[in-house]
Amino acid sequence: MPQSRATSFSRREVLRLSAVAGLMVMAGGLVHPDDAFAEAFTAPPLPYAENALEPVISARTVSFHYGKHTLTYFANANKLVAESPLAGKSLEEVFLAAGKDPKMVGIFNNAAQAWNHVFYWNGLNPKGGAPSGKLAKAIDASFGGLDGCKKALTEAAVGVFGSGWAWLVADPDGKLKVVKTGNAGNPLQDGLKPLWVIDVWEHAYYLDYQNRRPDYVAGVLDKLVNWDFAAKNLG
């Protein structure tokens, strides 16, 4: 499987990749990979260099996580979907439909993991930062402040048994909450809008932290959250 070819990207390229990955906001909602993935699912390049997340996440981890795991999910999803009645549908449509059919568990696992990983990579920002504007107000209202939000995300991420994800989401009423999903689960299945996510499958951190998942979670939440990305997804 090819390694990531990302080195550096211009502002225009980063914006283009975000649009292709379906992670920008339009008409009050998320624009997911519908058009770009109508015929074949294509993994967008990383929006930063492989070493850009150091020292929290090493270039070696990013190389394996993106170049092996992420791209393999896309390859598997392409093969499985092409041989199914879901061919021609968007990545989101595929995993939402497949998640309702026990006979399509393989399609669901690979399509959902492809979507989840694009979302995860775009939710990381080497420069870190802090929430502002509407997102900051929503965090204050829902968690009592940024510390409360990070605490909820930490508890969810550390508390996932086995492999999975911890998500910052908005419910249909606009209230923010933190949820966790196992394996390839996605909050869209429950009618929630994903804003940000942290991957807590072992392949996301084991090369750097071994069994110290809390250290990985703390590093990401303290230094790598792309709050602008979460704000765009909130709308």
Protein backbone atom coordinates (compact mmCIF):
# COMPACT_ATOMS: atom_id res chain seq x y z
CA MET A 1 0.00 0.00 0.00
CA PRO A 2 1.50 3.40 -0.89
CA GLN A 3 2.59 5.74 1.82
CA SER A 4 1.23 9.27 2.16
CA ARG A 5 2.70 11.66 -0.39
CA ALA A 6 1.74 14.72 1.62
CA THR A 7 4.51 17.18 2.28
CA SER A 8 3.04 20.66 2.34
CA PHE A 9 -0.08 22.27 0.94
CA SER A 10 -1.08 25.77 0.02
CA ARG A 11 -4.12 27.37 1.59
CA ARG A 12 -6.00 26.84 -1.69
CA GLU A 13 -5.10 23.14 -1.74
CA VAL A 14 -6.14 22.66 1.88
CA LEU A 15 -9.51 24.23 1.16
CA ARG A 16 -9.92 22.07 -1.92
CA LEU A 17 -9.11 18.91 0.01
CA SER A 18 -11.57 19.82 2.73
CA ALA A 19 -14.29 20.29 0.15
CA VAL A 20 -13.50 17.02 -1.58
CA ALA A 21 -13.45 15.20 1.74
CA GLY A 22 -16.92 16.52 2.44
CA LEU A 23 -16.02 18.42 5.53
CA MET A 24 -17.17 21.93 4.76
CA VAL A 25 -20.51 23.48 5.54
CA MET A 26 -23.15 24.44 3.01
CA ALA A 27 -26.85 25.27 3.37
CA GLY A 28 -26.79 24.75 7.11
CA GLY A 29 -25.36 21.22 7.07
CA LEU A 30 -22.29 19.16 6.39
CA VAL A 31 -21.38 18.57 2.78
CA HIS A 32 -20.18 14.96 2.77
CA PRO A 33 -18.31 13.11 0.00
CA ASP A 34 -21.41 12.72 -2.21
CA ASP A 35 -20.18 14.18 -5.51
CA ALA A 36 -16.51 13.23 -5.24
CA PHE A 37 -17.33 9.63 -4.35
CA ALA A 38 -20.36 9.11 -6.64
CA GLU A 39 -18.56 6.47 -8.74
CA ALA A 40 -15.46 5.56 -6.76
CA PHE A 41 -14.25 6.43 -3.28
CA THR A 42 -10.95 8.32 -3.35
CA ALA A 43 -8.98 9.03 -0.20
CA PRO A 44 -7.85 12.67 -0.16
CA PRO A 45 -4.22 13.33 0.75
CA LEU A 46 -3.39 14.45 4.25
CA PRO A 47 -3.89 18.21 4.66
CA TYR A 48 -0.43 18.52 6.27
CA ALA A 49 2.96 16.84 6.20
CA GLU A 50 3.35 13.45 7.89
CA ASN A 51 5.61 14.94 10.56
CA ALA A 52 3.41 17.99 11.20
CA LEU A 53 1.68 16.47 14.23
CA GLU A 54 4.90 15.75 16.12
CA PRO A 55 5.68 15.38 18.96
CA VAL A 56 2.14 14.32 19.87
CA ILE A 57 1.75 11.93 16.91
CA SER A 58 4.90 10.80 15.14
CA ALA A 59 5.46 10.75 11.40
CA ARG A 60 5.87 6.97 11.67
CA THR A 61 2.41 6.61 13.19
CA VAL A 62 0.86 8.93 10.59
CA SER A 63 2.59 7.01 7.79
CA PHE A 64 1.18 3.68 8.96
CA HIS A 65 -2.20 5.05 10.04
CA TYR A 66 -2.86 6.89 6.79
CA GLY A 67 -0.78 4.93 4.30
CA LYS A 68 -1.81 1.47 5.53
CA HIS A 69 -5.06 1.65 7.50
CA THR A 70 -6.91 4.59 5.95
CA LEU A 71 -6.08 3.71 2.35
CA THR A 72 -6.92 0.05 2.96
CA TYR A 73 -10.41 0.97 4.15
CA PHE A 74 -10.92 2.92 0.94
CA ALA A 75 -9.62 0.09 -1.22
CA ASN A 76 -11.82 -2.46 0.52
CA ALA A 77 -14.87 -0.20 0.35
CA ASN A 78 -14.36 0.30 -3.38
CA LYS A 79 -14.17 -3.44 -4.03
CA LEU A 80 -17.08 -4.42 -1.81
CA VAL A 81 -19.42 -1.64 -2.91
CA ALA A 82 -18.73 -2.25 -6.61
CA GLU A 83 -20.09 -5.76 -6.14
CA SER A 84 -23.20 -4.64 -4.24
CA PRO A 85 -26.54 -2.89 -4.89
CA LEU A 86 -25.04 0.23 -3.27
CA ALA A 87 -22.68 0.95 -6.16
CA GLY A 88 -22.93 4.55 -7.33
CA LYS A 89 -24.04 5.92 -3.96
CA SER A 90 -22.05 8.32 -1.81
CA LEU A 91 -19.77 7.06 0.94
CA GLU A 92 -22.16 8.37 3.58
CA GLU A 93 -25.18 6.82 1.89
CA VAL A 94 -23.33 3.53 1.65
CA PHE A 95 -22.40 3.17 5.29
CA LEU A 96 -25.76 4.40 6.55
CA ALA A 97 -27.59 1.87 4.38
CA ALA A 98 -25.16 -0.96 5.04
CA GLY A 99 -25.32 -0.34 8.79
CA LYS A 100 -28.98 -1.38 8.73
CA ASP A 101 -28.34 -4.70 6.99
CA PRO A 102 -26.44 -7.42 8.90
CA LYS A 103 -25.55 -9.00 5.57
CA MET A 104 -23.57 -5.88 4.62
CA VAL A 105 -21.41 -5.67 7.73
CA GLY A 106 -18.21 -5.81 5.65
CA ILE A 107 -19.34 -2.90 3.50
CA PHE A 108 -20.39 -0.93 6.56
CA ASN A 109 -17.12 -1.49 8.41
CA ASN A 110 -14.93 -0.36 5.51
CA ALA A 111 -17.08 2.50 4.23
CA ALA A 112 -17.69 3.92 7.69
CA GLN A 113 -14.03 3.62 8.61
CA ALA A 114 -13.04 5.40 5.40
CA TRP A 115 -15.43 8.27 6.25
CA ASN A 116 -14.38 8.34 9.91
CA HIS A 117 -10.71 8.55 9.06
CA VAL A 118 -11.07 11.44 6.63
CA PHE A 119 -13.01 13.24 9.34
CA TYR A 120 -10.32 12.47 11.93
CA TRP A 121 -7.41 13.67 9.79
CA ASN A 122 -9.16 16.94 8.97
CA GLY A 123 -9.98 17.46 12.64
CA LEU A 124 -6.30 17.73 13.57
CA ASN A 125 -4.39 20.99 13.33
CA PRO A 126 -0.61 21.15 13.94
CA LYS A 127 -1.02 24.70 15.29
CA GLY A 128 -3.71 23.85 17.81
CA GLY A 129 -5.81 26.79 18.91
CA ALA A 130 -9.03 27.42 20.81
CA PRO A 131 -12.72 27.56 19.92
CA SER A 132 -14.29 30.95 19.26
CA GLY A 133 -17.55 32.53 18.19
CA LYS A 134 -20.66 30.36 17.96
CA LEU A 135 -18.75 27.18 18.80
CA ALA A 136 -17.25 28.67 21.96
CA LYS A 137 -20.69 29.82 23.10
CA ALA A 138 -22.17 26.40 22.40
CA ILE A 139 -19.37 24.72 24.36
CA ASP A 140 -19.95 27.08 27.29
CA ALA A 141 -23.68 26.39 27.22
CA SER A 142 -23.32 22.63 26.92
CA PHE A 143 -20.25 21.88 29.04
CA GLY A 144 -19.73 24.95 31.21
CA GLY A 145 -16.55 25.82 29.32
CA LEU A 146 -13.72 24.34 27.28
CA ASP A 147 -12.30 22.41 30.24
CA GLY A 148 -15.64 20.68 30.68
CA CYS A 149 -15.73 19.78 27.00
CA LYS A 150 -12.21 18.35 27.11
CA LYS A 151 -13.06 16.42 30.27
CA ALA A 152 -16.08 14.83 28.58
CA LEU A 153 -14.05 13.95 25.49
CA THR A 154 -11.26 12.51 27.62
CA GLU A 155 -13.64 10.32 29.60
CA ALA A 156 -15.31 9.08 26.44
CA ALA A 157 -12.06 8.42 24.58
CA VAL A 158 -10.36 6.65 27.46
CA GLY A 159 -13.56 4.79 28.28
CA VAL A 160 -14.05 3.18 24.88
CA PHE A 161 -13.65 -0.55 25.49
CA GLY A 162 -11.50 -1.97 22.74
CA SER A 163 -11.47 0.03 19.52
CA GLY A 164 -13.58 3.01 18.54
CA TRP A 165 -14.07 6.75 18.52
CA ALA A 166 -15.01 9.67 20.81
CA TRP A 167 -17.06 12.37 19.09
CA LEU A 168 -18.11 15.94 19.73
CA VAL A 169 -21.57 16.20 18.17
CA ALA A 170 -24.59 18.45 17.92
CA ASP A 171 -28.03 16.99 18.50
CA PRO A 172 -31.06 18.02 16.38
CA ASP A 173 -31.77 20.85 18.83
CA GLY A 174 -28.24 22.24 18.46
CA LYS A 175 -27.03 21.19 21.91
CA LEU A 176 -23.49 19.82 21.99
CA LYS A 177 -22.66 16.51 23.57
CA VAL A 178 -19.94 13.89 23.57
CA VAL A 179 -20.65 10.34 22.44
CA LYS A 180 -18.48 7.31 21.88
CA THR A 181 -18.86 4.61 19.25
CA GLY A 182 -17.26 1.21 18.99
CA ASN A 183 -15.37 -0.10 15.99
CA ALA A 184 -16.71 1.70 12.86
CA GLY A 185 -19.73 3.33 14.50
CA ASN A 186 -20.69 6.86 13.46
CA PRO A 187 -23.09 9.34 15.18
CA LEU A 188 -24.86 9.98 11.86
CA GLN A 189 -26.50 6.62 12.43
CA ASP A 190 -28.30 8.15 15.42
CA GLY A 191 -29.26 11.42 13.75
CA LEU A 192 -26.42 13.40 15.35
CA LYS A 193 -24.14 15.85 13.53
CA PRO A 194 -20.42 15.06 13.98
CA LEU A 195 -18.28 18.11 14.73
CA TRP A 196 -14.96 16.53 15.73
CA VAL A 197 -13.57 13.09 16.57
CA ILE A 198 -10.59 11.34 18.10
CA ASP A 199 -9.61 7.89 16.90
CA VAL A 200 -8.83 5.47 19.74
CA TRP A 201 -8.17 2.35 17.73
CA GLU A 202 -4.73 1.10 18.77
CA HIS A 203 -3.29 1.83 15.34
CA ALA A 204 -3.84 5.54 16.05
CA TYR A 205 -1.41 5.64 18.97
CA TYR A 206 0.29 2.33 19.81
CA LEU A 207 3.59 2.97 18.03
CA ASP A 208 4.02 6.15 20.09
CA TYR A 209 2.29 5.37 23.39
CA GLN A 210 1.87 1.58 23.58
CA ASN A 211 -0.90 1.02 26.17
CA ARG A 212 -0.92 4.65 27.39
CA ARG A 213 -4.06 5.76 25.59
CA PRO A 214 -4.75 8.55 28.14
CA ASP A 215 -1.44 10.21 27.23
CA TYR A 216 -2.30 10.17 23.53
CA VAL A 217 -5.77 11.58 24.22
CA ALA A 218 -4.36 14.33 26.44
CA GLY A 219 -1.80 15.33 23.83
CA VAL A 220 -4.36 15.56 21.05
CA LEU A 221 -6.87 17.53 23.12
CA ASP A 222 -4.23 19.93 24.44
CA LYS A 223 -2.32 20.59 21.21
CA LEU A 224 -3.93 19.31 18.02
CA VAL A 225 -7.67 20.00 17.94
CA ASN A 226 -8.77 21.83 14.80
CA TRP A 227 -11.48 23.97 16.39
CA ASP A 228 -12.06 25.83 13.11
CA PHE A 229 -13.01 22.53 11.54
CA ALA A 230 -15.47 21.81 14.35
CA ALA A 231 -16.92 25.32 14.02
CA LYS A 232 -17.48 24.87 10.27
CA ASN A 233 -19.26 21.60 10.91
CA LEU A 234 -21.48 23.25 13.51
CA GLY A 235 -22.49 25.85 10.92
